[in-house]
């Protein structure tokens, strides 16, 4: 029998959690390097099953000379692979980036669309990628749920859910509006550096006293 889903924390507790996150890091930012909406889409698409640091290392030289879909098409698949071959699944990702670039040129005038549905229609762009772009570039309070946010949401009770879409909805429903824009960045950073998977760093956690996780580390 599966354990029961944790109930969301009370409103005042979630409000206090995000007040502390905000006090510690008022304007958190994503760690993927980019120069415009297009390079952000490319970087996020490349980051699937890869680290942000690894993607940044591969794209610095790429984005120094490629910043538009047409420039990516001019570079070509072999040229792109030469830049991103250190990233996992690079061949498939290169094909998707070129397909995406062709669609952007042919159907969107070389501009990145700013609706979730339009973004998700692009090759290699899923809901999480679309939400990252909407949030980071257009400052829309979209919640991009990755493994870190999924873990933090369920472990703390901020946003419990059985899958990533349920956790996304729970963040939208439970987190007070003033914190929505940066909510997923705070939760990613907390999950990446403090509330880690195997041995969370509970002694260093700024919300330890508010977190109902039973297996806290000493």
N, C-alpha and C. Protein backbone atom coordinates (compact mmCIF):
# COMPACT_ATOMS: atom_id res chain seq x y z
N UNK A 1 0.84 -1.19 0.00
CA UNK A 1 0.00 0.00 0.00
C UNK A 1 0.88 1.25 0.00
N UNK A 2 0.64 2.16 -0.94
CA UNK A 2 1.44 3.37 -1.02
C UNK A 2 1.12 4.30 0.14
N UNK A 3 2.15 5.03 0.65
CA UNK A 3 1.88 5.99 1.72
C UNK A 3 0.97 7.11 1.23
N UNK A 4 0.19 7.64 2.13
CA UNK A 4 -0.73 8.72 1.78
C UNK A 4 0.05 9.97 1.36
N UNK A 5 -0.50 10.70 0.42
CA UNK A 5 0.13 11.94 -0.03
C UNK A 5 0.12 12.96 1.10
N UNK A 6 1.25 13.62 1.30
CA UNK A 6 1.33 14.64 2.34
C UNK A 6 0.37 15.78 2.03
N UNK A 7 -0.29 16.30 3.06
CA UNK A 7 -1.19 17.43 2.87
C UNK A 7 -0.38 18.72 2.72
N UNK A 8 -0.89 19.67 1.96
CA UNK A 8 -0.18 20.95 1.85
C UNK A 8 -0.08 21.63 3.21
N UNK A 9 1.02 22.33 3.41
CA UNK A 9 1.18 23.11 4.64
C UNK A 9 0.13 24.20 4.72
N UNK A 10 -0.18 24.66 5.93
CA UNK A 10 -1.13 25.78 6.06
C UNK A 10 -0.59 27.03 5.37
N UNK A 11 -1.49 27.89 4.99
CA UNK A 11 -1.13 29.13 4.27
C UNK A 11 -0.06 29.92 5.01
N UNK A 12 -0.23 30.14 6.30
CA UNK A 12 0.70 31.02 7.03
C UNK A 12 2.10 30.42 7.09
N UNK A 13 2.20 29.08 7.06
CA UNK A 13 3.52 28.44 7.07
C UNK A 13 4.19 28.61 5.71
N UNK A 14 3.45 28.39 4.64
CA UNK A 14 4.02 28.58 3.30
C UNK A 14 4.43 30.04 3.10
N UNK A 15 3.62 30.94 3.59
CA UNK A 15 3.95 32.37 3.48
C UNK A 15 5.26 32.68 4.19
N UNK A 16 5.46 32.09 5.36
CA UNK A 16 6.70 32.31 6.12
C UNK A 16 7.89 31.68 5.42
N UNK A 17 7.70 30.50 4.84
CA UNK A 17 8.78 29.83 4.11
C UNK A 17 9.29 30.72 2.98
N UNK A 18 8.38 31.26 2.20
CA UNK A 18 8.81 32.07 1.05
C UNK A 18 9.29 33.45 1.47
N UNK A 19 8.82 33.94 2.60
CA UNK A 19 9.37 35.18 3.13
C UNK A 19 10.84 34.99 3.48
N UNK A 20 11.16 33.81 4.03
CA UNK A 20 12.57 33.52 4.37
C UNK A 20 13.41 33.32 3.11
N UNK A 21 12.86 32.60 2.13
CA UNK A 21 13.58 32.43 0.86
C UNK A 21 13.88 33.80 0.24
N UNK A 22 12.89 34.68 0.25
CA UNK A 22 13.05 36.00 -0.34
C UNK A 22 14.08 36.83 0.42
N UNK A 23 14.06 36.74 1.73
CA UNK A 23 15.03 37.50 2.54
C UNK A 23 16.46 37.03 2.26
N UNK A 24 16.62 35.73 2.04
CA UNK A 24 17.95 35.17 1.80
C UNK A 24 18.44 35.44 0.38
N UNK A 25 17.52 35.45 -0.60
CA UNK A 25 17.87 35.65 -2.01
C UNK A 25 16.72 36.41 -2.67
N UNK A 26 16.74 37.75 -2.61
CA UNK A 26 15.59 38.53 -3.09
C UNK A 26 15.24 38.33 -4.55
N UNK A 27 16.22 38.18 -5.41
CA UNK A 27 15.96 38.03 -6.84
C UNK A 27 16.75 36.85 -7.41
N UNK A 28 16.30 35.65 -7.13
CA UNK A 28 17.01 34.46 -7.63
C UNK A 28 16.92 34.40 -9.15
N UNK A 29 17.95 33.85 -9.76
CA UNK A 29 17.97 33.74 -11.21
C UNK A 29 18.35 32.33 -11.62
N UNK A 30 17.88 31.94 -12.81
CA UNK A 30 18.29 30.65 -13.35
C UNK A 30 19.77 30.65 -13.67
N UNK A 31 20.38 29.49 -13.68
CA UNK A 31 21.83 29.40 -13.85
C UNK A 31 22.27 29.14 -15.30
N UNK A 32 21.31 28.95 -16.20
CA UNK A 32 21.67 28.75 -17.60
C UNK A 32 22.01 30.09 -18.26
N UNK A 33 23.16 30.17 -18.90
CA UNK A 33 23.60 31.39 -19.55
C UNK A 33 22.89 31.54 -20.91
N UNK A 34 22.47 32.78 -21.22
CA UNK A 34 21.79 33.06 -22.47
C UNK A 34 21.88 34.55 -22.76
N UNK A 35 21.61 34.92 -24.01
CA UNK A 35 21.69 36.35 -24.37
C UNK A 35 20.36 36.90 -24.86
N UNK A 36 19.43 36.01 -25.22
CA UNK A 36 18.09 36.43 -25.66
C UNK A 36 17.13 35.26 -25.51
N UNK A 37 15.88 35.46 -25.93
CA UNK A 37 14.88 34.40 -25.78
C UNK A 37 15.26 33.14 -26.55
N UNK A 38 15.81 33.32 -27.74
CA UNK A 38 16.17 32.15 -28.55
C UNK A 38 17.27 31.32 -27.89
N UNK A 39 18.33 31.97 -27.45
CA UNK A 39 19.41 31.21 -26.84
C UNK A 39 18.96 30.58 -25.51
N UNK A 40 18.00 31.20 -24.84
CA UNK A 40 17.45 30.59 -23.62
C UNK A 40 16.69 29.31 -23.96
N UNK A 41 15.86 29.34 -25.00
CA UNK A 41 15.15 28.13 -25.42
C UNK A 41 16.14 27.03 -25.76
N UNK A 42 17.17 27.37 -26.51
CA UNK A 42 18.19 26.38 -26.90
C UNK A 42 18.88 25.82 -25.66
N UNK A 43 19.28 26.69 -24.74
CA UNK A 43 19.99 26.24 -23.55
C UNK A 43 19.13 25.31 -22.70
N UNK A 44 17.87 25.67 -22.52
CA UNK A 44 16.99 24.83 -21.70
C UNK A 44 16.74 23.49 -22.38
N UNK A 45 16.56 23.50 -23.70
CA UNK A 45 16.37 22.25 -24.43
C UNK A 45 17.61 21.36 -24.30
N UNK A 46 18.78 21.96 -24.33
CA UNK A 46 20.02 21.19 -24.20
C UNK A 46 20.24 20.66 -22.79
N UNK A 47 19.59 21.28 -21.80
CA UNK A 47 19.84 20.93 -20.40
C UNK A 47 19.13 19.66 -19.94
N UNK A 48 18.25 19.09 -20.77
CA UNK A 48 17.57 17.85 -20.39
C UNK A 48 18.61 16.76 -20.14
N UNK A 49 18.54 16.14 -18.97
CA UNK A 49 19.48 15.09 -18.57
C UNK A 49 20.93 15.56 -18.64
N UNK A 50 21.14 16.83 -18.33
CA UNK A 50 22.49 17.40 -18.27
C UNK A 50 22.49 18.47 -17.19
N UNK A 51 23.67 18.83 -16.73
CA UNK A 51 23.77 19.87 -15.71
C UNK A 51 23.84 21.24 -16.36
N UNK A 52 23.36 22.25 -15.63
CA UNK A 52 23.46 23.62 -16.14
C UNK A 52 24.90 24.00 -16.39
N UNK A 53 25.79 23.58 -15.49
CA UNK A 53 27.21 23.92 -15.65
C UNK A 53 27.77 23.32 -16.93
N UNK A 54 27.38 22.08 -17.23
CA UNK A 54 27.86 21.42 -18.44
C UNK A 54 27.33 22.09 -19.69
N UNK A 55 26.07 22.51 -19.65
CA UNK A 55 25.48 23.20 -20.79
C UNK A 55 26.15 24.55 -21.00
N UNK A 56 26.36 25.29 -19.91
CA UNK A 56 27.01 26.60 -20.02
C UNK A 56 28.40 26.49 -20.63
N UNK A 57 29.13 25.47 -20.22
CA UNK A 57 30.49 25.28 -20.74
C UNK A 57 30.46 25.05 -22.24
N UNK A 58 29.43 24.31 -22.70
CA UNK A 58 29.33 23.99 -24.12
C UNK A 58 28.79 25.15 -24.95
N UNK A 59 27.93 25.98 -24.36
CA UNK A 59 27.25 27.00 -25.16
C UNK A 59 27.94 28.36 -25.17
N UNK A 60 28.92 28.58 -24.33
CA UNK A 60 29.55 29.91 -24.30
C UNK A 60 30.11 30.29 -25.66
N UNK A 61 30.87 29.39 -26.26
CA UNK A 61 31.44 29.68 -27.58
C UNK A 61 30.35 29.68 -28.64
N UNK A 62 29.36 28.81 -28.50
CA UNK A 62 28.25 28.75 -29.47
C UNK A 62 27.47 30.05 -29.50
N UNK A 63 27.09 30.54 -28.32
CA UNK A 63 26.28 31.76 -28.26
C UNK A 63 27.08 33.03 -28.52
N UNK A 64 28.39 32.90 -28.59
CA UNK A 64 29.21 34.06 -28.97
C UNK A 64 29.04 34.37 -30.46
N UNK A 65 28.62 33.36 -31.23
CA UNK A 65 28.46 33.60 -32.67
C UNK A 65 27.08 33.22 -33.21
N UNK A 66 26.27 32.52 -32.41
CA UNK A 66 24.93 32.14 -32.85
C UNK A 66 23.91 32.65 -31.84
N UNK A 67 23.09 33.61 -32.28
CA UNK A 67 22.07 34.17 -31.37
C UNK A 67 20.68 34.21 -32.00
N UNK A 68 20.56 33.72 -33.24
CA UNK A 68 19.26 33.72 -33.92
C UNK A 68 19.02 32.35 -34.56
N UNK A 69 17.76 32.01 -34.82
CA UNK A 69 17.48 30.75 -35.49
C UNK A 69 18.15 30.64 -36.86
N UNK A 70 18.19 31.72 -37.63
CA UNK A 70 18.82 31.66 -38.95
C UNK A 70 20.31 31.40 -38.84
N UNK A 71 20.96 32.02 -37.87
CA UNK A 71 22.39 31.77 -37.67
C UNK A 71 22.63 30.30 -37.29
N UNK A 72 21.71 29.70 -36.54
CA UNK A 72 21.84 28.29 -36.18
C UNK A 72 21.69 27.42 -37.43
N UNK A 73 20.74 27.76 -38.29
CA UNK A 73 20.57 27.01 -39.54
C UNK A 73 21.81 27.15 -40.42
N UNK A 74 22.40 28.34 -40.44
CA UNK A 74 23.61 28.56 -41.23
C UNK A 74 24.79 27.74 -40.66
N UNK A 75 24.82 27.60 -39.34
CA UNK A 75 25.88 26.81 -38.71
C UNK A 75 25.76 25.35 -39.11
N UNK A 76 24.53 24.84 -39.13
CA UNK A 76 24.31 23.46 -39.56
C UNK A 76 24.49 22.45 -38.44
N UNK A 77 24.03 21.23 -38.72
CA UNK A 77 24.05 20.18 -37.70
C UNK A 77 25.47 19.81 -37.26
N UNK A 78 26.37 19.64 -38.21
CA UNK A 78 27.74 19.27 -37.85
C UNK A 78 28.41 20.36 -37.02
N UNK A 79 28.18 21.61 -37.39
CA UNK A 79 28.76 22.71 -36.64
C UNK A 79 28.21 22.80 -35.23
N UNK A 80 26.92 22.55 -35.10
CA UNK A 80 26.31 22.57 -33.76
C UNK A 80 26.83 21.42 -32.91
N UNK A 81 26.92 20.24 -33.50
CA UNK A 81 27.43 19.08 -32.76
C UNK A 81 28.83 19.33 -32.24
N UNK A 82 29.63 20.00 -33.03
CA UNK A 82 31.01 20.28 -32.60
C UNK A 82 31.02 21.08 -31.31
N UNK A 83 30.03 21.94 -31.12
CA UNK A 83 29.95 22.76 -29.90
C UNK A 83 29.36 21.99 -28.72
N UNK A 84 28.39 21.10 -28.98
CA UNK A 84 27.63 20.51 -27.87
C UNK A 84 27.92 19.02 -27.65
N UNK A 85 28.98 18.50 -28.24
CA UNK A 85 29.23 17.06 -28.15
C UNK A 85 29.61 16.59 -26.76
N UNK A 86 29.85 17.51 -25.83
CA UNK A 86 30.13 17.11 -24.44
C UNK A 86 28.84 16.93 -23.64
N UNK A 87 27.69 17.28 -24.24
CA UNK A 87 26.40 17.18 -23.55
C UNK A 87 25.75 15.85 -23.91
N UNK A 88 25.12 15.23 -22.96
CA UNK A 88 24.44 13.97 -23.20
C UNK A 88 23.36 14.09 -24.26
N UNK A 89 23.20 13.01 -25.07
CA UNK A 89 22.18 12.95 -26.13
C UNK A 89 22.36 14.07 -27.16
N UNK A 90 23.61 14.46 -27.40
CA UNK A 90 23.87 15.64 -28.21
C UNK A 90 23.39 15.50 -29.65
N UNK A 91 23.45 14.31 -30.21
CA UNK A 91 23.02 14.17 -31.61
C UNK A 91 21.52 14.43 -31.77
N UNK A 92 20.73 13.83 -30.90
CA UNK A 92 19.28 14.03 -30.97
C UNK A 92 18.92 15.48 -30.64
N UNK A 93 19.62 16.06 -29.67
CA UNK A 93 19.37 17.44 -29.31
C UNK A 93 19.73 18.39 -30.45
N UNK A 94 20.81 18.09 -31.15
CA UNK A 94 21.20 18.92 -32.29
C UNK A 94 20.12 18.89 -33.37
N UNK A 95 19.59 17.70 -33.66
CA UNK A 95 18.53 17.59 -34.66
C UNK A 95 17.31 18.41 -34.26
N UNK A 96 16.93 18.34 -32.96
CA UNK A 96 15.77 19.10 -32.49
C UNK A 96 15.99 20.60 -32.54
N UNK A 97 17.19 21.04 -32.19
CA UNK A 97 17.50 22.47 -32.23
C UNK A 97 17.40 22.98 -33.67
N UNK A 98 17.90 22.21 -34.62
CA UNK A 98 17.80 22.63 -36.03
C UNK A 98 16.36 22.62 -36.52
N UNK A 99 15.58 21.61 -36.15
CA UNK A 99 14.16 21.56 -36.53
C UNK A 99 13.40 22.74 -35.92
N UNK A 100 13.69 23.00 -34.64
CA UNK A 100 13.06 24.12 -33.95
C UNK A 100 13.42 25.44 -34.63
N UNK A 101 14.66 25.59 -34.99
CA UNK A 101 15.12 26.83 -35.63
C UNK A 101 14.44 27.04 -36.97
N UNK A 102 14.26 25.96 -37.73
CA UNK A 102 13.59 26.06 -39.03
C UNK A 102 12.14 26.51 -38.84
N UNK A 103 11.44 25.95 -37.85
CA UNK A 103 10.05 26.34 -37.59
C UNK A 103 9.98 27.80 -37.16
N UNK A 104 10.91 28.22 -36.31
CA UNK A 104 10.91 29.62 -35.86
C UNK A 104 11.10 30.58 -37.03
N UNK A 105 11.98 30.22 -37.96
CA UNK A 105 12.20 31.07 -39.13
C UNK A 105 10.99 31.06 -40.05
N UNK A 106 10.45 29.88 -40.32
CA UNK A 106 9.39 29.75 -41.31
C UNK A 106 8.02 30.20 -40.81
N UNK A 107 7.75 29.96 -39.52
CA UNK A 107 6.40 30.20 -39.01
C UNK A 107 6.28 31.37 -38.03
N UNK A 108 7.41 31.80 -37.44
CA UNK A 108 7.34 32.85 -36.42
C UNK A 108 8.25 34.05 -36.73
N UNK A 109 8.68 34.16 -37.97
CA UNK A 109 9.51 35.30 -38.35
C UNK A 109 10.82 35.39 -37.60
N UNK A 110 11.32 34.24 -37.15
CA UNK A 110 12.59 34.22 -36.43
C UNK A 110 12.50 34.59 -34.97
N UNK A 111 11.27 34.84 -34.50
CA UNK A 111 11.07 35.23 -33.10
C UNK A 111 10.54 34.04 -32.29
N UNK A 112 10.87 34.01 -31.01
CA UNK A 112 10.38 32.96 -30.12
C UNK A 112 8.98 33.33 -29.65
N UNK A 113 7.98 32.45 -29.84
CA UNK A 113 6.62 32.77 -29.40
C UNK A 113 6.53 32.79 -27.88
N UNK A 114 5.55 33.51 -27.36
CA UNK A 114 5.46 33.67 -25.91
C UNK A 114 4.17 33.10 -25.34
N UNK A 115 3.69 31.99 -25.89
CA UNK A 115 2.60 31.25 -25.25
C UNK A 115 3.10 29.83 -25.00
N UNK A 116 2.58 29.21 -23.96
CA UNK A 116 3.02 27.86 -23.61
C UNK A 116 2.72 26.88 -24.74
N UNK A 117 1.53 26.97 -25.31
CA UNK A 117 1.14 26.05 -26.38
C UNK A 117 2.06 26.17 -27.58
N UNK A 118 2.37 27.40 -27.98
CA UNK A 118 3.25 27.60 -29.13
C UNK A 118 4.66 27.09 -28.84
N UNK A 119 5.14 27.35 -27.65
CA UNK A 119 6.48 26.87 -27.28
C UNK A 119 6.52 25.35 -27.26
N UNK A 120 5.49 24.73 -26.68
CA UNK A 120 5.46 23.26 -26.59
C UNK A 120 5.33 22.60 -27.95
N UNK A 121 4.89 23.34 -28.96
CA UNK A 121 4.78 22.77 -30.30
C UNK A 121 6.13 22.64 -30.98
N UNK A 122 7.16 23.25 -30.42
CA UNK A 122 8.49 23.23 -31.02
C UNK A 122 9.21 21.93 -30.67
N UNK A 123 9.97 21.34 -31.60
CA UNK A 123 10.72 20.12 -31.33
C UNK A 123 11.69 20.30 -30.16
N UNK A 124 11.69 19.34 -29.24
CA UNK A 124 12.60 19.39 -28.10
C UNK A 124 12.16 20.28 -26.96
N UNK A 125 10.98 20.90 -27.10
CA UNK A 125 10.48 21.79 -26.05
C UNK A 125 9.25 21.16 -25.40
N UNK A 126 9.37 20.81 -24.13
CA UNK A 126 8.26 20.27 -23.37
C UNK A 126 7.70 21.32 -22.44
N UNK A 127 6.81 20.90 -21.58
CA UNK A 127 6.14 21.85 -20.68
C UNK A 127 7.14 22.54 -19.74
N UNK A 128 8.10 21.78 -19.22
CA UNK A 128 9.06 22.38 -18.29
C UNK A 128 9.89 23.45 -19.00
N UNK A 129 10.39 23.13 -20.19
CA UNK A 129 11.17 24.10 -20.95
C UNK A 129 10.35 25.35 -21.26
N UNK A 130 9.11 25.14 -21.69
CA UNK A 130 8.24 26.27 -21.99
C UNK A 130 8.05 27.16 -20.77
N UNK A 131 7.85 26.54 -19.61
CA UNK A 131 7.64 27.31 -18.39
C UNK A 131 8.89 28.07 -17.98
N UNK A 132 10.05 27.46 -18.17
CA UNK A 132 11.31 28.16 -17.85
C UNK A 132 11.43 29.42 -18.70
N UNK A 133 11.17 29.29 -19.99
CA UNK A 133 11.30 30.43 -20.91
C UNK A 133 10.27 31.51 -20.58
N UNK A 134 9.04 31.11 -20.33
CA UNK A 134 8.00 32.08 -19.97
C UNK A 134 8.37 32.83 -18.71
N UNK A 135 8.94 32.11 -17.75
CA UNK A 135 9.28 32.73 -16.46
C UNK A 135 10.52 33.61 -16.58
N UNK A 136 11.59 33.07 -17.13
CA UNK A 136 12.86 33.78 -17.12
C UNK A 136 12.91 34.93 -18.11
N UNK A 137 12.27 34.76 -19.28
CA UNK A 137 12.37 35.81 -20.29
C UNK A 137 11.21 36.79 -20.23
N UNK A 138 9.99 36.26 -20.08
CA UNK A 138 8.82 37.15 -20.10
C UNK A 138 8.27 37.44 -18.71
N UNK A 139 8.93 36.95 -17.68
CA UNK A 139 8.54 37.24 -16.29
C UNK A 139 7.10 36.83 -16.00
N UNK A 140 6.69 35.74 -16.63
CA UNK A 140 5.37 35.18 -16.35
C UNK A 140 5.53 34.18 -15.19
N UNK A 141 4.62 34.18 -14.21
CA UNK A 141 4.78 33.30 -13.04
C UNK A 141 4.49 31.83 -13.35
N UNK A 142 5.21 31.29 -14.33
CA UNK A 142 5.06 29.87 -14.69
C UNK A 142 6.00 29.05 -13.81
N UNK A 143 5.58 27.87 -13.43
CA UNK A 143 6.33 27.03 -12.51
C UNK A 143 6.92 25.83 -13.25
N UNK A 144 8.21 25.85 -13.47
CA UNK A 144 8.89 24.77 -14.19
C UNK A 144 9.35 23.72 -13.18
N UNK A 145 8.65 22.61 -13.12
CA UNK A 145 8.92 21.59 -12.10
C UNK A 145 9.93 20.57 -12.62
N UNK A 146 11.09 20.55 -11.97
CA UNK A 146 12.09 19.52 -12.27
C UNK A 146 12.17 18.56 -11.09
N UNK A 147 13.17 17.70 -11.06
CA UNK A 147 13.29 16.71 -9.98
C UNK A 147 13.51 17.39 -8.63
N UNK A 148 14.23 18.52 -8.60
CA UNK A 148 14.47 19.22 -7.35
C UNK A 148 13.17 19.78 -6.77
N UNK A 149 12.40 20.45 -7.62
CA UNK A 149 11.14 21.03 -7.15
C UNK A 149 10.15 19.93 -6.76
N UNK A 150 10.12 18.85 -7.52
CA UNK A 150 9.23 17.74 -7.20
C UNK A 150 9.55 17.20 -5.81
N UNK A 151 10.84 17.04 -5.52
CA UNK A 151 11.26 16.53 -4.21
C UNK A 151 10.94 17.53 -3.10
N UNK A 152 11.30 18.79 -3.30
CA UNK A 152 11.06 19.80 -2.27
C UNK A 152 9.57 19.99 -2.02
N UNK A 153 8.80 20.04 -3.10
CA UNK A 153 7.36 20.23 -2.97
C UNK A 153 6.71 19.15 -2.13
N UNK A 154 7.12 17.90 -2.37
CA UNK A 154 6.53 16.78 -1.64
C UNK A 154 7.13 16.61 -0.25
N UNK A 155 8.43 16.78 -0.14
CA UNK A 155 9.10 16.56 1.14
C UNK A 155 8.67 17.60 2.18
N UNK A 156 8.52 18.83 1.76
CA UNK A 156 8.20 19.90 2.71
C UNK A 156 6.70 20.11 2.90
N UNK A 157 5.91 19.67 1.91
CA UNK A 157 4.48 19.95 1.98
C UNK A 157 4.10 21.30 1.37
N UNK A 158 5.07 21.99 0.76
CA UNK A 158 4.75 23.24 0.07
C UNK A 158 3.80 22.97 -1.09
N UNK A 159 4.12 21.92 -1.86
CA UNK A 159 3.32 21.62 -3.06
C UNK A 159 3.35 20.12 -3.33
N UNK A 160 2.64 19.33 -2.54
CA UNK A 160 2.63 17.89 -2.78
C UNK A 160 1.85 17.53 -4.04
N UNK A 161 2.32 16.50 -4.73
CA UNK A 161 1.64 16.05 -5.94
C UNK A 161 2.26 14.77 -6.44
N UNK A 162 1.44 13.94 -7.11
CA UNK A 162 1.91 12.63 -7.55
C UNK A 162 2.75 12.70 -8.82
N UNK A 163 2.67 13.80 -9.56
CA UNK A 163 3.47 13.97 -10.76
C UNK A 163 3.82 15.45 -10.91
N UNK A 164 4.63 15.76 -11.92
CA UNK A 164 5.14 17.13 -12.05
C UNK A 164 4.03 18.14 -12.33
N UNK A 165 3.01 17.73 -13.09
CA UNK A 165 1.92 18.66 -13.36
C UNK A 165 1.13 18.94 -12.10
N UNK A 166 0.94 17.91 -11.27
CA UNK A 166 0.22 18.12 -10.00
C UNK A 166 1.00 19.04 -9.08
N UNK A 167 2.33 18.89 -9.05
CA UNK A 167 3.15 19.78 -8.22
C UNK A 167 3.11 21.20 -8.77
N UNK A 168 3.16 21.33 -10.09
CA UNK A 168 3.05 22.66 -10.72
C UNK A 168 1.75 23.35 -10.30
N UNK A 169 0.65 22.61 -10.38
CA UNK A 169 -0.64 23.16 -9.98
C UNK A 169 -0.66 23.51 -8.50
N UNK A 170 -0.03 22.67 -7.68
CA UNK A 170 -0.02 22.91 -6.24
C UNK A 170 0.77 24.17 -5.89
N UNK A 171 1.86 24.43 -6.61
CA UNK A 171 2.60 25.67 -6.38
C UNK A 171 1.72 26.86 -6.73
N UNK A 172 1.06 26.78 -7.88
CA UNK A 172 0.17 27.87 -8.30
C UNK A 172 -0.96 28.09 -7.29
N UNK A 173 -1.46 27.00 -6.72
CA UNK A 173 -2.58 27.09 -5.79
C UNK A 173 -2.17 27.52 -4.38
N UNK A 174 -0.99 27.07 -3.92
CA UNK A 174 -0.63 27.21 -2.51
C UNK A 174 0.29 28.38 -2.20
N UNK A 175 1.16 28.76 -3.15
CA UNK A 175 2.14 29.81 -2.86
C UNK A 175 1.49 31.18 -3.03
N UNK A 176 1.61 32.06 -2.03
CA UNK A 176 1.01 33.39 -2.12
C UNK A 176 1.49 34.14 -3.37
N UNK A 177 0.60 34.91 -3.95
CA UNK A 177 0.85 35.58 -5.23
C UNK A 177 2.15 36.39 -5.28
N UNK A 178 2.53 37.14 -4.22
CA UNK A 178 3.76 37.94 -4.32
C UNK A 178 5.03 37.11 -4.54
N UNK A 179 4.96 35.81 -4.26
CA UNK A 179 6.14 34.96 -4.40
C UNK A 179 6.10 34.09 -5.66
N UNK A 180 5.03 34.17 -6.44
CA UNK A 180 4.86 33.26 -7.57
C UNK A 180 5.96 33.40 -8.63
N UNK A 181 6.38 34.61 -8.93
CA UNK A 181 7.35 34.80 -10.00
C UNK A 181 8.65 34.05 -9.75
N UNK A 182 9.12 34.09 -8.50
CA UNK A 182 10.41 33.47 -8.19
C UNK A 182 10.29 32.12 -7.48
N UNK A 183 9.06 31.63 -7.30
CA UNK A 183 8.85 30.42 -6.50
C UNK A 183 9.68 29.24 -7.00
N UNK A 184 9.65 28.99 -8.30
CA UNK A 184 10.35 27.79 -8.77
C UNK A 184 11.86 27.95 -8.68
N UNK A 185 12.37 29.18 -8.80
CA UNK A 185 13.82 29.37 -8.63
C UNK A 185 14.24 29.13 -7.18
N UNK A 186 13.47 29.65 -6.24
CA UNK A 186 13.80 29.40 -4.84
C UNK A 186 13.77 27.91 -4.52
N UNK A 187 12.77 27.22 -5.04
CA UNK A 187 12.65 25.79 -4.75
C UNK A 187 13.74 24.97 -5.44
N UNK A 188 14.11 25.35 -6.67
CA UNK A 188 15.21 24.66 -7.36
C UNK A 188 16.51 24.83 -6.58
N UNK A 189 16.82 26.06 -6.21
CA UNK A 189 18.07 26.32 -5.48
C UNK A 189 18.08 25.60 -4.13
N UNK A 190 16.92 25.57 -3.47
CA UNK A 190 16.84 24.87 -2.18
C UNK A 190 17.07 23.37 -2.38
N UNK A 191 16.47 22.82 -3.42
CA UNK A 191 16.63 21.39 -3.69
C UNK A 191 18.01 21.03 -4.20
N UNK A 192 18.62 21.92 -4.94
CA UNK A 192 19.93 21.64 -5.53
C UNK A 192 21.05 21.72 -4.50
N UNK A 193 20.93 22.65 -3.55
CA UNK A 193 22.05 22.90 -2.64
C UNK A 193 21.79 22.56 -1.17
N UNK A 194 20.54 22.44 -0.75
CA UNK A 194 20.25 22.15 0.67
C UNK A 194 19.40 20.90 0.82
N UNK A 195 18.22 20.89 0.24
CA UNK A 195 17.30 19.76 0.39
C UNK A 195 17.60 18.72 -0.68
N UNK A 196 18.84 18.22 -0.65
CA UNK A 196 19.30 17.27 -1.67
C UNK A 196 18.66 15.91 -1.46
N UNK A 197 18.77 15.05 -2.46
CA UNK A 197 17.99 13.81 -2.47
C UNK A 197 18.40 12.83 -1.38
N UNK A 198 19.67 12.46 -1.33
CA UNK A 198 20.05 11.34 -0.47
C UNK A 198 20.25 11.72 0.99
N UNK A 199 20.91 12.83 1.22
CA UNK A 199 21.16 13.25 2.60
C UNK A 199 20.95 14.76 2.69
N UNK A 200 19.70 15.20 2.89
CA UNK A 200 19.44 16.64 2.94
C UNK A 200 20.25 17.32 4.04
N UNK A 201 20.65 18.55 3.76
CA UNK A 201 21.50 19.29 4.70
C UNK A 201 20.63 20.07 5.68
N UNK A 202 19.87 19.31 6.47
CA UNK A 202 18.90 19.92 7.38
C UNK A 202 19.51 20.91 8.38
N UNK A 203 20.71 20.66 8.93
CA UNK A 203 21.27 21.63 9.87
C UNK A 203 21.48 23.02 9.25
N UNK A 204 21.65 23.07 7.93
CA UNK A 204 21.88 24.35 7.25
C UNK A 204 20.61 24.92 6.64
N UNK A 205 19.47 24.28 6.88
CA UNK A 205 18.22 24.66 6.22
C UNK A 205 17.53 25.81 6.94
N UNK A 206 17.19 26.85 6.21
CA UNK A 206 16.58 28.02 6.84
C UNK A 206 15.10 27.83 7.11
N UNK A 207 14.51 26.70 6.66
CA UNK A 207 13.10 26.43 6.98
C UNK A 207 12.95 25.13 7.78
N UNK A 208 14.03 24.70 8.40
CA UNK A 208 14.02 23.43 9.14
C UNK A 208 12.88 23.36 10.14
N UNK A 209 12.64 24.44 10.87
CA UNK A 209 11.62 24.43 11.92
C UNK A 209 10.20 24.41 11.36
N UNK A 210 10.05 24.71 10.06
CA UNK A 210 8.74 24.74 9.43
C UNK A 210 8.45 23.49 8.60
N UNK A 211 9.47 22.69 8.38
CA UNK A 211 9.38 21.53 7.50
C UNK A 211 8.94 20.29 8.26
N UNK A 212 7.91 19.56 7.78
CA UNK A 212 7.41 18.38 8.47
C UNK A 212 8.15 17.10 8.12
N UNK A 213 9.20 17.16 7.32
CA UNK A 213 9.96 15.96 6.92
C UNK A 213 10.45 15.23 8.16
N UNK A 214 10.07 13.96 8.27
CA UNK A 214 10.36 13.22 9.49
C UNK A 214 11.83 12.79 9.62
N UNK A 215 12.49 12.56 8.48
CA UNK A 215 13.84 12.00 8.53
C UNK A 215 14.92 13.09 8.41
N UNK A 216 14.80 14.10 9.21
CA UNK A 216 15.78 15.19 9.16
C UNK A 216 17.15 14.70 9.59
N UNK A 217 18.19 15.22 8.93
CA UNK A 217 19.55 14.86 9.30
C UNK A 217 20.03 15.77 10.42
N UNK A 218 20.97 15.27 11.18
CA UNK A 218 21.52 16.05 12.31
C UNK A 218 22.77 16.81 11.89
